[in-house]
Protein backbone atom coordinates (compact mmCIF):
# COMPACT_ATOMS: atom_id res chain seq x y z
CA MET A 1 34.10 -35.97 -4.15
CA PRO A 2 31.51 -36.27 -1.44
CA PRO A 3 28.03 -35.13 -2.12
CA GLU A 4 27.40 -32.62 0.27
CA VAL A 5 30.58 -30.90 -0.94
CA ILE A 6 29.26 -31.05 -4.53
CA ALA A 7 25.93 -29.75 -3.16
CA LEU A 8 27.33 -27.21 -1.31
CA LEU A 9 29.21 -25.75 -4.36
CA HIS A 10 25.91 -25.89 -6.76
CA GLU A 11 24.45 -23.54 -3.53
CA LEU A 12 27.34 -21.12 -3.42
CA VAL A 13 28.08 -20.74 -7.69
CA PRO A 14 24.71 -18.53 -8.03
CA ILE A 15 25.21 -16.93 -5.04
CA ILE A 16 28.90 -15.82 -5.75
CA TYR A 17 27.01 -14.85 -9.16
CA ASP A 18 24.79 -12.43 -6.89
CA ARG A 19 26.76 -10.93 -4.60
CA TYR A 20 30.48 -10.05 -6.11
CA GLY A 21 29.25 -10.46 -9.96
CA LEU A 22 31.68 -12.92 -10.74
CA ARG A 23 31.63 -15.55 -13.27
CA LEU A 24 33.84 -18.47 -12.24
CA ARG A 25 36.16 -20.09 -14.72
CA ALA A 26 36.53 -23.90 -14.54
CA SER A 27 39.85 -23.24 -13.00
CA ASP A 28 37.76 -20.83 -10.78
CA LEU A 29 35.50 -23.58 -9.30
CA GLU A 30 38.42 -26.58 -9.36
CA ASP A 31 40.16 -24.40 -6.28
CA LEU A 32 36.81 -23.79 -4.73
CA THR A 33 36.04 -27.44 -4.65
CA GLN A 34 39.20 -28.12 -3.26
CA PHE A 35 38.90 -25.65 -0.48
CA LEU A 36 35.30 -26.72 0.29
CA HIS A 37 36.53 -30.39 -0.18
CA ASN A 38 39.37 -29.42 2.63
CA ARG A 39 37.06 -27.92 5.01
CA TRP A 40 34.94 -30.68 4.66
CA ARG A 41 37.29 -33.15 5.98
CA SER A 42 38.33 -31.10 8.35
CA GLY A 43 35.19 -31.07 10.47
CA SER A 44 32.03 -33.39 11.62
CA PRO A 45 28.76 -33.56 9.92
CA GLN A 46 27.59 -31.20 12.19
CA THR A 47 30.33 -28.58 11.97
CA TRP A 48 30.35 -28.76 8.21
CA ALA A 49 26.14 -28.12 8.76
CA THR A 50 27.10 -25.48 10.62
CA TYR A 51 29.18 -24.02 7.99
CA ARG A 52 26.85 -24.16 5.31
CA GLN A 53 24.32 -22.25 7.31
CA LEU A 54 27.04 -19.42 8.04
CA LEU A 55 27.72 -19.23 3.82
CA LEU A 56 23.87 -19.03 3.34
CA ASP A 57 23.59 -16.11 6.07
CA ARG A 58 24.07 -12.40 5.03
CA SER A 59 24.83 -11.92 9.22
CA PRO A 60 28.34 -10.74 9.26
CA TYR A 61 29.33 -13.92 10.87
CA GLY A 62 28.15 -14.94 7.26
CA GLN A 63 30.51 -12.64 5.68
CA GLN A 64 33.31 -13.97 7.96
CA ALA A 65 32.85 -17.59 6.72
CA TRP A 66 32.78 -15.93 3.16
CA GLN A 67 36.07 -14.12 3.20
CA PRO A 68 38.82 -16.99 2.96
CA LEU A 69 36.37 -18.22 0.06
CA ILE A 70 36.63 -14.85 -1.94
CA ASN A 71 40.31 -15.28 -1.33
CA VAL A 72 40.30 -18.53 -3.21
CA ILE A 73 38.97 -17.48 -6.12
CA THR A 74 39.91 -13.64 -6.58
CA ASN A 75 43.09 -12.70 -8.65
CA THR A 76 45.14 -10.25 -6.78
CA GLU A 77 48.52 -11.25 -9.09
CA SER A 78 49.61 -7.46 -10.01
CA TYR A 79 52.76 -5.71 -10.30
CA PHE A 80 53.98 -1.53 -9.85
CA PHE A 81 53.15 0.59 -13.16
CA ARG A 82 51.31 -2.28 -14.55
CA ASP A 83 50.35 -1.13 -18.46
CA ARG A 84 53.30 1.60 -18.77
CA GLY A 85 51.16 3.14 -21.46
CA GLN A 86 48.11 4.04 -18.92
CA PHE A 87 50.47 5.82 -16.71
CA SER A 88 52.11 7.64 -19.37
CA LEU A 89 48.79 9.20 -20.24
CA LEU A 90 48.27 9.59 -16.66
CA GLN A 91 51.29 11.17 -16.23
CA ARG A 92 51.42 13.46 -19.31
CA GLN A 93 47.73 14.34 -19.96
CA ILE A 94 45.30 13.29 -16.81
CA LEU A 95 46.53 14.09 -14.17
CA PRO A 96 47.93 17.91 -15.48
CA GLU A 97 44.40 18.40 -16.49
CA LEU A 98 43.20 17.53 -13.12
CA ILE A 99 45.82 19.42 -10.68
CA LEU A 100 45.29 22.65 -13.82
CA SER A 101 41.16 22.37 -13.06
CA ARG A 102 41.27 21.70 -8.81
CA ARG A 103 44.13 24.17 -8.60
CA GLY A 104 41.40 26.51 -6.49
CA SER A 105 40.64 23.63 -3.97
CA ARG A 106 43.74 21.93 -4.35
CA ARG A 107 42.16 18.71 -3.44
CA LEU A 108 42.26 15.66 -5.63
CA CYS A 109 40.36 12.12 -4.35
CA LEU A 110 41.47 9.28 -6.27
CA TRP A 111 39.73 5.02 -6.41
CA SER A 112 42.00 2.41 -7.13
CA ALA A 113 38.84 0.08 -7.71
CA ALA A 114 39.93 -4.04 -7.04
CA CYS A 115 43.25 -2.90 -6.11
CA ALA A 116 44.45 -5.86 -5.28
CA GLY A 117 47.77 -6.03 -3.15
CA GLY A 118 48.34 -2.19 -3.63
CA GLU A 119 50.91 -2.36 -6.51
CA GLU A 120 48.17 -0.31 -8.93
CA PRO A 121 47.53 2.67 -5.88
CA TYR A 122 50.86 2.83 -5.11
CA SER A 123 51.69 3.40 -8.00
CA LEU A 124 49.43 6.03 -8.63
CA ALA A 125 50.40 7.57 -5.48
CA ILE A 126 54.41 7.91 -6.69
CA THR A 127 53.24 9.19 -9.80
CA LEU A 128 51.59 12.16 -7.85
CA GLN A 129 54.59 12.46 -5.87
CA GLY A 130 56.64 13.48 -8.99
CA MET A 131 54.13 15.42 -10.34
CA LEU A 132 53.38 17.91 -6.92
CA PRO A 133 56.44 18.91 -5.64
CA ALA A 134 54.59 20.84 -3.08
CA HIS A 135 52.16 18.18 -2.41
CA GLU A 136 51.62 19.07 1.20
CA ASN A 137 49.76 22.24 -0.03
CA TRP A 138 47.56 19.71 -1.61
CA GLN A 139 44.89 17.81 0.20
CA VAL A 140 45.74 14.19 -1.87
CA ARG A 141 43.59 11.22 -0.88
CA ILE A 142 43.92 7.75 -2.58
CA PHE A 143 41.24 5.16 -1.67
CA ALA A 144 42.01 1.32 -2.74
CA THR A 145 39.28 -1.26 -2.58
CA ASP A 146 38.98 -5.02 -3.15
CA ILE A 147 36.52 -7.86 -1.39
CA ASN A 148 39.90 -10.09 -0.64
CA GLU A 149 41.13 -9.03 2.98
CA GLU A 150 44.08 -11.11 2.04
CA ALA A 151 45.19 -9.27 -0.14
CA LEU A 152 44.29 -5.39 1.34
CA ASP A 153 46.01 -6.93 4.27
CA ARG A 154 49.55 -7.56 2.25
CA ALA A 155 48.38 -3.61 0.59
CA ARG A 156 48.33 -2.44 4.25
CA SER A 157 51.50 -3.32 5.43
CA GLY A 158 53.32 -1.97 2.06
CA ARG A 159 56.13 -4.99 1.61
CA PHE A 160 56.48 -6.40 -1.49
CA ARG A 161 58.52 -9.36 -3.31
CA SER A 162 60.89 -7.74 -6.09
CA TRP A 163 58.60 -9.91 -8.74
CA SER A 164 56.24 -6.73 -8.27
CA PHE A 165 58.90 -4.30 -9.76
CA ARG A 166 59.17 -6.48 -13.13
CA ALA A 167 57.98 -2.89 -15.12
CA ILE A 168 59.68 -0.58 -13.06
CA ASP A 169 63.08 1.49 -13.31
CA SER A 170 65.81 0.65 -10.58
CA THR A 171 65.90 4.96 -9.95
CA THR A 172 61.83 4.55 -8.77
CA TRP A 173 62.82 1.62 -6.90
CA GLN A 174 65.51 2.99 -5.13
CA THR A 175 64.09 6.07 -4.52
CA TYR A 176 60.90 5.18 -2.88
CA PHE A 177 61.44 1.61 -1.57
CA ARG A 178 63.85 0.30 0.74
CA PRO A 179 65.32 -3.32 1.47
CA LEU A 180 63.95 -5.73 4.14
CA ALA A 181 65.28 -9.33 5.17
CA ASP A 182 62.45 -10.57 2.93
CA GLY A 183 61.55 -7.82 0.34
CA TRP A 184 60.84 -4.28 -0.12
CA GLN A 185 59.00 -1.89 2.10
CA ILE A 186 57.24 1.44 0.25
CA ASP A 187 58.56 4.92 1.57
CA PRO A 188 55.89 5.87 4.75
CA ALA A 189 55.02 9.42 2.56
CA ILE A 190 53.74 7.35 -0.38
CA GLN A 191 51.97 4.43 2.39
CA ARG A 192 50.20 7.46 4.26
CA LEU A 193 48.51 9.05 0.73
CA VAL A 194 46.56 5.44 0.05
CA THR A 195 43.52 4.28 2.62
CA PHE A 196 42.42 0.46 2.19
CA GLN A 197 39.39 -0.26 2.49
CA ASN A 198 37.13 -3.67 1.97
CA PHE A 199 34.51 -2.77 -0.77
CA ASN A 200 31.88 -4.95 -2.73
CA LEU A 201 31.46 -3.35 -6.11
CA VAL A 202 28.20 -5.20 -6.68
CA ASN A 203 26.49 -4.72 -3.60
CA ASP A 204 27.61 -2.18 -1.49
CA GLU A 205 25.81 1.38 -0.86
CA LEU A 206 28.26 4.34 -1.67
CA PRO A 207 28.29 6.65 1.11
CA LEU A 208 26.72 9.64 0.49
CA THR A 209 30.05 11.63 1.72
CA ASP A 210 31.54 9.76 -1.95
CA VAL A 211 28.56 11.01 -4.17
CA GLY A 212 30.73 13.22 -6.73
CA LYS A 213 33.67 13.17 -4.52
CA PHE A 214 36.55 11.11 -6.98
CA ASP A 215 38.37 12.98 -10.05
CA LEU A 216 39.54 9.71 -10.85
CA ILE A 217 38.95 6.17 -10.91
CA LEU A 218 41.15 3.37 -11.90
CA CYS A 219 39.22 0.01 -12.30
CA ARG A 220 41.30 -2.43 -14.44
CA ASN A 221 41.35 -5.68 -16.01
CA VAL A 222 38.30 -6.15 -13.17
CA PHE A 223 35.35 -6.20 -15.58
CA ILE A 224 36.74 -9.44 -17.63
CA TYR A 225 35.66 -11.29 -14.69
CA PHE A 226 32.39 -10.00 -14.38
CA ALA A 227 28.90 -10.67 -15.48
CA THR A 228 27.24 -8.15 -18.06
CA GLU A 229 24.50 -6.69 -15.85
CA SER A 230 27.39 -6.26 -13.00
CA ILE A 231 29.32 -4.11 -15.12
CA THR A 232 26.33 -1.95 -15.91
CA GLN A 233 25.76 -1.82 -12.03
CA THR A 234 29.12 -0.77 -11.31
CA VAL A 235 29.84 1.89 -14.15
CA ASP A 236 26.46 3.13 -12.74
CA LEU A 237 28.28 3.24 -9.39
CA PHE A 238 31.52 4.63 -10.67
CA ALA A 239 29.32 7.65 -12.52
CA LYS A 240 27.63 8.49 -9.22
CA ALA A 241 30.89 8.53 -7.72
CA LEU A 242 32.72 11.13 -10.03
CA ALA A 243 32.89 14.57 -10.00
CA PRO A 244 31.16 16.10 -13.11
CA GLY A 245 34.53 16.05 -15.66
CA GLY A 246 36.13 13.41 -13.25
CA TYR A 247 38.22 9.98 -15.41
CA LEU A 248 37.35 6.79 -15.40
CA LEU A 249 40.09 4.54 -16.52
CA THR A 250 39.76 0.29 -17.23
CA GLY A 251 41.12 -2.18 -18.73
CA HIS A 252 41.64 -2.32 -22.66
CA ALA A 253 38.42 -2.72 -24.46
CA GLU A 254 36.71 -3.81 -21.23
CA LEU A 255 33.35 -1.48 -22.00
CA CYS A 256 33.38 -1.98 -25.59
CA HIS A 257 29.64 -3.38 -25.47
CA GLN A 258 28.58 -0.92 -22.79
CA PRO A 259 25.77 1.83 -22.78
CA LEU A 260 27.54 4.70 -21.53
CA GLN A 261 25.72 7.73 -21.88
CA SER A 262 26.97 9.35 -18.14
CA PHE A 263 30.62 9.11 -19.82
CA ALA A 264 32.08 10.63 -22.73
CA THR A 265 34.01 8.68 -24.71
CA GLN A 266 38.03 9.43 -25.65
CA ILE A 267 41.03 7.73 -27.56
CA TYR A 268 44.64 8.62 -26.80
CA PRO A 269 47.40 6.18 -28.58
CA GLU A 270 47.60 4.82 -24.95
CA SER A 271 44.37 4.00 -24.00
CA VAL A 272 40.76 4.85 -24.02
CA VAL A 273 39.62 6.74 -21.15
CA TYR A 274 35.99 7.80 -20.21
CA ARG A 275 35.22 11.24 -18.78
CA ARG A 276 32.33 11.96 -16.94
CA ARG A 277 29.82 14.00 -18.09
CA SER A 278 28.98 17.76 -16.53
CA GLY A 279 25.04 16.58 -16.83
CA GLN A 280 23.03 15.88 -19.52
CA ALA A 281 24.23 13.51 -22.71
CA THR A 282 24.93 16.79 -24.89
CA ALA A 283 28.17 17.90 -22.93
CA THR A 284 30.78 18.43 -24.92
CA PRO A 285 34.08 17.00 -23.64
CA LEU A 286 37.76 18.26 -23.70
CA PRO A 287 39.12 16.94 -26.80
CA PRO A 288 42.43 14.55 -26.12
CA ILE A 289 45.89 15.72 -27.49
CA ASN A 290 45.54 13.41 -30.80
CA GLY A 291 42.11 15.37 -31.54
CA LEU A 292 39.75 12.44 -32.52
CA THR A 293 36.92 12.02 -29.49
CA GLN A 294 34.75 8.90 -31.05
CA PRO A 295 35.15 6.05 -29.97
CA TYR A 296 35.72 3.03 -33.00
CA ALA A 297 32.87 1.39 -33.89
CA ALA A 298 31.43 -1.71 -32.13
CA ALA A 299 28.45 -3.70 -31.44
CA SER A 300 26.42 -3.71 -28.36
CA ASN A 301 24.78 -6.89 -28.90
CA LEU A 302 28.15 -8.96 -29.84
CA GLU A 303 28.03 -11.80 -28.07
CA ASN A 304 31.01 -13.88 -29.35
CA PRO A 305 33.16 -12.10 -31.36
CA LEU A 306 36.28 -14.76 -31.09
CA GLY A 307 36.64 -18.07 -33.31
CA ASN A 308 39.07 -21.01 -32.59
CA PRO A 309 42.48 -19.45 -33.64
CA LEU A 310 44.19 -22.83 -34.31
CA GLU A 311 41.25 -24.34 -36.88
CA ASN A 312 43.96 -25.16 -39.57
CA THR A 313 46.86 -25.62 -37.25
CA PRO A 314 47.92 -29.13 -35.91
CA GLY A 315 49.45 -29.75 -32.76
CA LEU A 316 47.72 -27.95 -30.27
CA LYS A 317 44.16 -27.92 -31.76
CA ASN A 318 42.93 -30.33 -28.47
CA GLY A 319 42.56 -28.34 -25.40
CA MET A 320 45.42 -25.85 -26.25
CA GLU A 321 42.87 -22.64 -28.07
CA THR A 322 43.64 -20.63 -25.25
CA LEU A 323 47.14 -20.53 -26.03
CA HIS A 324 46.94 -17.89 -28.62
CA PRO A 325 44.85 -14.83 -29.25
CA ALA A 326 41.68 -15.87 -31.37
CA PRO A 327 40.99 -14.30 -35.08
CA LEU A 328 38.76 -11.78 -35.55
CA ILE A 329 35.42 -13.29 -36.87
CA ASN A 330 33.28 -10.08 -37.95
CA ALA A 331 33.77 -6.05 -38.10
CA ASP A 332 33.07 -4.89 -34.95
CA ALA A 333 35.34 -7.70 -33.18
CA GLN A 334 37.83 -5.95 -35.75
CA ALA A 335 37.27 -2.47 -34.28
CA ILE A 336 37.68 -3.65 -30.78
CA ALA A 337 40.85 -5.52 -31.25
CA ILE A 338 42.16 -2.43 -33.45
CA GLU A 339 41.30 0.19 -30.44
CA THR A 340 42.80 -2.41 -28.13
CA ALA A 341 46.30 -2.45 -29.94
CA ILE A 342 46.70 1.20 -30.29
CA ALA A 343 45.78 1.56 -26.35
CA ASN A 344 48.40 -0.92 -25.36
CA HIS A 345 51.25 0.82 -27.20
CA GLN A 346 54.19 0.73 -24.62
CA GLU A 347 57.47 2.37 -24.86
CA ARG A 348 60.28 -0.39 -24.79
CA PRO A 349 63.14 -0.75 -22.48
CA ASN A 350 66.40 1.30 -23.53
CA TYR A 351 68.67 -1.13 -24.08
CA SER A 352 69.09 -2.62 -28.14
CA ARG A 353 69.91 -6.41 -29.49
CA SER A 354 70.34 -5.21 -32.89
CA ASP A 355 73.42 -5.73 -32.73
CA HIS A 356 72.46 -10.08 -32.67
CA LEU A 357 69.35 -10.30 -34.82
CA ASN A 358 70.68 -11.85 -37.62
CA ASP A 359 72.75 -14.41 -35.42
CA LEU A 360 69.87 -16.56 -35.77
CA THR A 361 70.89 -19.32 -36.88
CA ASN A 362 72.23 -21.41 -33.68
CA SER A 363 68.70 -22.71 -32.12
CA ASN A 364 69.97 -23.56 -28.77
CA HIS A 365 68.95 -20.09 -27.21
CA LEU A 366 65.63 -21.13 -28.42
CA ASN A 367 65.59 -24.22 -26.18
CA ASN A 368 68.10 -23.17 -23.37
CA SER A 369 65.80 -19.86 -21.73
CA ARG A 370 66.23 -20.17 -17.90
CA SER A 371 70.13 -20.93 -18.25
CA SER A 372 70.62 -18.05 -20.22
CA ASN A 373 68.69 -15.36 -18.87
CA PRO A 374 67.68 -16.23 -15.04
CA ARG A 375 65.24 -15.00 -12.92
CA PRO A 376 65.49 -11.81 -10.76
CA THR A 377 66.29 -12.53 -6.74
CA ASP A 378 64.89 -10.20 -4.10
CA SER A 379 68.33 -8.90 -3.15
CA SER A 380 68.64 -5.64 -6.04
CA PRO A 381 66.84 -3.74 -7.85
CA HIS A 382 69.62 -3.95 -10.75
CA SER A 383 68.73 -7.47 -11.61
CA LEU A 384 65.68 -6.45 -13.36
CA GLN A 385 65.63 -4.65 -16.61
CA PRO A 386 61.82 -2.65 -17.17
CA SER A 387 59.43 -4.38 -19.12
CA SER A 388 55.90 -3.35 -20.10
CA PRO A 389 52.80 -5.43 -21.48
CA LYS A 390 52.34 -6.15 -25.02
CA VAL A 391 50.56 -4.72 -27.33
CA PRO A 392 48.03 -7.79 -28.37
CA VAL A 393 48.68 -9.96 -31.55
CA VAL A 394 45.62 -10.62 -33.53
CA LYS A 395 45.69 -12.99 -36.41
CA PRO A 396 45.17 -13.25 -40.02
CA LEU A 397 41.77 -15.02 -40.79
CA SER A 398 42.07 -17.50 -43.01
CA THR A 399 38.21 -17.22 -43.96
CA PRO A 400 36.84 -13.93 -44.36
CA TYR A 401 33.97 -13.31 -42.71
CA ALA A 402 31.62 -13.57 -44.78
CA ALA A 403 29.35 -10.16 -43.83
CA PRO A 404 27.24 -7.74 -46.20
CA LYS A 405 29.84 -6.10 -48.04
CA ASN A 406 29.05 -2.65 -48.23
CA GLN A 407 29.04 -2.79 -43.82
CA THR A 408 32.06 -4.44 -43.76
CA GLU A 409 33.63 -2.20 -46.52
CA GLN A 410 32.23 1.17 -44.22
CA LEU A 411 33.95 0.21 -41.32
CA HIS A 412 36.84 -1.02 -42.91
CA ASN A 413 37.17 2.57 -44.34
CA ARG A 414 36.28 4.21 -41.24
CA LEU A 415 38.62 2.95 -39.10
CA LYS A 416 41.67 2.76 -41.85
CA GLN A 417 40.38 6.51 -42.11
CA LYS A 418 41.00 6.99 -37.87
CA LEU A 419 43.92 5.08 -38.19
CA LEU A 420 45.80 7.12 -40.84
CA GLN A 421 44.72 10.43 -39.32
CA LEU A 422 46.33 9.16 -35.87
CA LEU A 423 49.25 8.12 -37.80
CA LYS A 424 49.86 12.04 -38.91
CA HIS A 425 49.81 13.42 -35.84
CA TYR A 426 52.21 10.23 -34.16
CA PRO A 427 53.97 9.06 -37.92
CA ASN A 428 56.60 7.61 -35.22
CA SER A 429 53.95 5.30 -33.94
CA SER A 430 54.68 1.74 -34.05
CA ALA A 431 51.30 0.88 -32.51
CA THR A 432 49.39 3.25 -35.01
CA LEU A 433 51.37 1.42 -38.01
CA TYR A 434 50.68 -2.04 -36.19
CA ALA A 435 46.66 -1.76 -35.88
CA LEU A 436 47.10 -0.80 -39.51
CA ALA A 437 48.58 -3.71 -40.28
CA CYS A 438 46.53 -5.85 -38.70
CA LEU A 439 43.31 -3.82 -40.25
CA HIS A 440 44.76 -4.66 -43.34
CA ALA A 441 45.76 -8.48 -42.09
CA ASN A 442 42.45 -9.15 -41.31
CA TRP A 443 40.85 -7.68 -44.27
CA GLY A 444 43.00 -10.05 -46.46
CA ALA A 445 45.42 -7.49 -47.83
CA SER A 446 48.46 -9.00 -46.95
CA GLN A 447 50.82 -7.07 -48.78
CA GLU A 448 49.36 -4.07 -47.16
CA ALA A 449 49.64 -6.04 -43.88
CA SER A 450 53.60 -6.70 -44.23
CA GLN A 451 54.70 -3.23 -45.76
CA TYR A 452 52.76 -1.61 -42.61
CA CYS A 453 54.62 -4.53 -40.15
CA GLN A 454 57.86 -3.36 -41.97
CA GLN A 455 57.26 0.31 -41.28
CA ALA A 456 56.89 -0.39 -37.49
CA LEU A 457 59.46 -2.43 -37.19
CA GLU A 458 61.48 -0.03 -38.77
CA ILE A 459 60.67 1.96 -35.90
CA GLU A 460 60.43 -0.62 -33.32
CA PRO A 461 63.11 -3.39 -34.16
CA GLU A 462 62.83 -4.95 -30.88
CA SER A 463 58.98 -5.78 -30.68
CA THR A 464 58.01 -9.35 -30.47
CA GLU A 465 54.72 -8.48 -31.31
CA ILE A 466 55.20 -7.13 -34.51
CA CYS A 467 57.54 -10.29 -35.68
CA CYS A 468 54.80 -12.47 -34.69
CA LEU A 469 52.30 -10.65 -36.83
CA LEU A 470 55.04 -11.08 -39.73
CA ALA A 471 55.29 -14.49 -39.21
CA ARG A 472 51.54 -15.29 -39.08
CA ILE A 473 51.06 -13.01 -42.50
CA TRP A 474 54.34 -15.34 -44.06
CA GLU A 475 52.41 -18.55 -42.40
CA GLU A 476 48.94 -17.49 -44.29
CA GLN A 477 50.85 -17.36 -47.42
CA ASN A 478 52.33 -20.90 -46.80
CA GLN A 479 55.81 -19.27 -46.67
CA LEU A 480 56.89 -21.34 -43.90
CA ASP A 481 60.22 -20.75 -44.21
CA GLN A 482 59.95 -16.73 -43.77
CA ALA A 483 57.23 -17.10 -40.72
CA LYS A 484 59.44 -19.46 -39.08
CA GLN A 485 62.58 -16.90 -39.51
CA PHE A 486 60.43 -13.93 -37.37
CA LEU A 487 59.07 -16.05 -34.83
CA ARG A 488 62.91 -17.30 -33.85
CA ARG A 489 63.30 -13.66 -33.91
CA ALA A 490 60.66 -12.84 -31.38
CA VAL A 491 61.62 -15.96 -29.27
CA TYR A 492 65.41 -14.81 -29.72
CA LEU A 493 64.10 -10.77 -28.56
CA ASP A 494 62.32 -12.20 -25.61
CA ARG A 495 63.19 -15.30 -24.49
CA HIS A 496 61.23 -15.40 -21.27
CA ALA A 497 57.78 -14.95 -23.84
CA LEU A 498 55.83 -17.53 -24.04
CA PRO A 499 53.20 -16.95 -26.94
CA PRO A 500 56.29 -16.87 -29.99
CA ARG A 501 57.73 -19.96 -28.46
CA LEU A 502 54.52 -22.02 -28.33
CA GLU A 503 53.68 -20.41 -32.00
CA LEU A 504 57.18 -21.52 -33.59
CA ALA A 505 56.57 -25.15 -31.51
CA SER A 506 53.11 -25.49 -33.38
CA LEU A 507 55.31 -24.43 -36.97
CA TYR A 508 57.61 -26.68 -36.54
CA GLU A 509 55.21 -29.22 -35.58
CA ARG A 510 52.89 -28.25 -39.01
CA ILE A 511 56.39 -28.65 -41.05
CA GLY A 512 57.18 -32.15 -39.56
CA ASP A 513 60.41 -31.36 -37.13
CA ALA A 514 58.65 -33.10 -33.99
CA THR A 515 61.99 -32.88 -32.45
CA ALA A 516 62.38 -29.12 -32.49
CA ALA A 517 58.66 -28.89 -31.59
CA ARG A 518 59.00 -31.33 -28.77
CA ARG A 519 62.32 -28.78 -27.59
CA LEU A 520 60.33 -25.43 -27.92
CA TYR A 521 57.25 -26.98 -25.94
CA ALA A 522 59.51 -28.29 -23.32
CA SER A 523 61.42 -24.80 -22.92
CA ALA A 524 57.97 -23.14 -22.21
CA LEU A 525 57.35 -25.87 -19.74
CA GLU A 526 60.43 -25.30 -17.62
CA LEU A 527 59.93 -21.52 -18.14
CA LEU A 528 56.64 -22.23 -16.33
CA GLN A 529 58.15 -23.48 -13.19
CA ASP A 530 59.52 -19.84 -12.46
CA PHE A 531 55.45 -18.98 -11.87
CA ALA A 532 53.01 -19.72 -9.31
CA PRO A 533 50.43 -22.38 -10.68
CA HIS A 534 47.57 -19.65 -9.76
CA TRP A 535 49.06 -16.63 -11.85
CA PRO A 536 48.01 -15.50 -15.20
CA VAL A 537 50.37 -16.10 -18.13
CA PHE A 538 48.22 -13.93 -20.40
CA ASP A 539 46.78 -10.56 -19.45
CA HIS A 540 43.81 -11.18 -22.22
CA HIS A 541 43.10 -14.68 -21.57
CA HIS A 542 41.85 -17.01 -18.35
CA LEU A 543 44.98 -19.00 -18.16
CA THR A 544 46.90 -20.03 -15.63
CA ALA A 545 50.53 -21.25 -15.38
CA GLY A 546 49.10 -24.55 -13.57
CA GLU A 547 46.47 -25.00 -16.53
CA LEU A 548 49.22 -23.86 -19.38
CA SER A 549 51.55 -26.82 -17.65
CA ASP A 550 49.31 -29.73 -17.43
CA ARG A 551 48.23 -28.71 -21.20
CA LEU A 552 51.62 -28.70 -21.96
CA LYS A 553 52.66 -32.11 -20.65
CA GLU A 554 49.58 -33.30 -22.04
CA HIS A 555 50.44 -32.72 -25.36
CA LEU A 556 54.19 -33.48 -25.33
CA ALA A 557 53.18 -36.80 -24.25
CA ALA A 558 50.90 -36.92 -27.02
CA ILE A 559 53.53 -36.20 -29.78
CA GLY A 560 56.47 -37.85 -27.68
CA ALA A 561 58.49 -36.49 -24.45
CA ASN A 562 61.90 -38.13 -26.36
């Protein structure tokens, strides 16, 4: 790599941190380095010097030079109604409350921050359209902002490919979109509700006209890319922008360690939400539907709650540690994971494979995944089954965290009581049962964890997450046949899911069946061919399809691909 490129890269990284608040991942640095290298090769030393000076300049010309770089280092992958649980909460609780409280002015102002290609704000507009049949009598505005101008241009066009509809039902799809030769066009009535604008959450000033203006702000799966100071700064910005009683909805557990003096925290089964206090911190928030208003305990100074999930598992230890959710190593991290498990609860698609669950002796379906379930095309909404984000799986600890016994017992009991209280309100909540299973599994109470898993599985027999947790509980007890049974079931239930496939491959390696392990790794690699290299493959990890493919190829080479 030319030294000029490396030198400029070292100059740009702290500028990116300062201007945009972004912590660059290894893959981001690789993409940025390649972009700069291509730029260096395309010009002369004089043009390179001019380009460097533009990037270091804060003038409007410098900002124009930055935009292609921003397009390289920002993630714009999204889809309509991402996280069905949160949208269900918006439709059932938050938006009705806002509509009721704003019925005098008949005005609603919403903000989708870091909106990427527009799927989130348009999903919000579609949801409101169904709740306000006479919405023309209301003044409804949805502002959608991002720093990626390329993504904003796509959003403004209102055109989408079928992959953006992977979590939407066919009725909604057909109602609000019309087919084009190369995709789908959103309904103009929905499109008019949304205004797109370039806005930097870290360094742009909020216009005075927008202070206290917004009733709801969505900023989801954004803070995972931010430095701590940038998160604090952005939360303060949102507090300034929200009207008293307005709501902030983020990605799950993204603000667990943040001081939130301006917000009252409320916990629902689907998500944690933050409500703007009316004045000082003494304001009393409206209670959520389940009657629980206090957040689960989480230490604000927790630096590194995660450890190596494959510490005692052969096979994927070298460079593959991000393939599975990491185990918890202390009680506060346990609280975060339980909160996340509840918050991620989703309704599953309304179809059943229960009659076929016992037909798992033939392993062909585990290894020929693409032929049995081809990826949808852009031709018809009926080609897609509605799907939903997955509840995170928490792997049981091999060695319990050695914290002061009274401290961990108190936290364990407090969490247990909150979950049992939640279960009283929602006795058929598989997410709450799943959270109780996680809690007991991490405490080392395998029998109780298994019982809660079995209860959850009776309610949600097609849950791959519950099957995976049961498999880990059995594996922890060295009952590998039982673990294998549940992992095979998980793979059967969702043939496009990578985590259970990879865990089953790792288990086969552990028991010495290298042939079965190689088949599963190869089938996972085949699944990844359907993804663009820059697409994230796990929402809760910074791992792209390209990175995972490279690691799988290396591992297959190490264990012998034949």
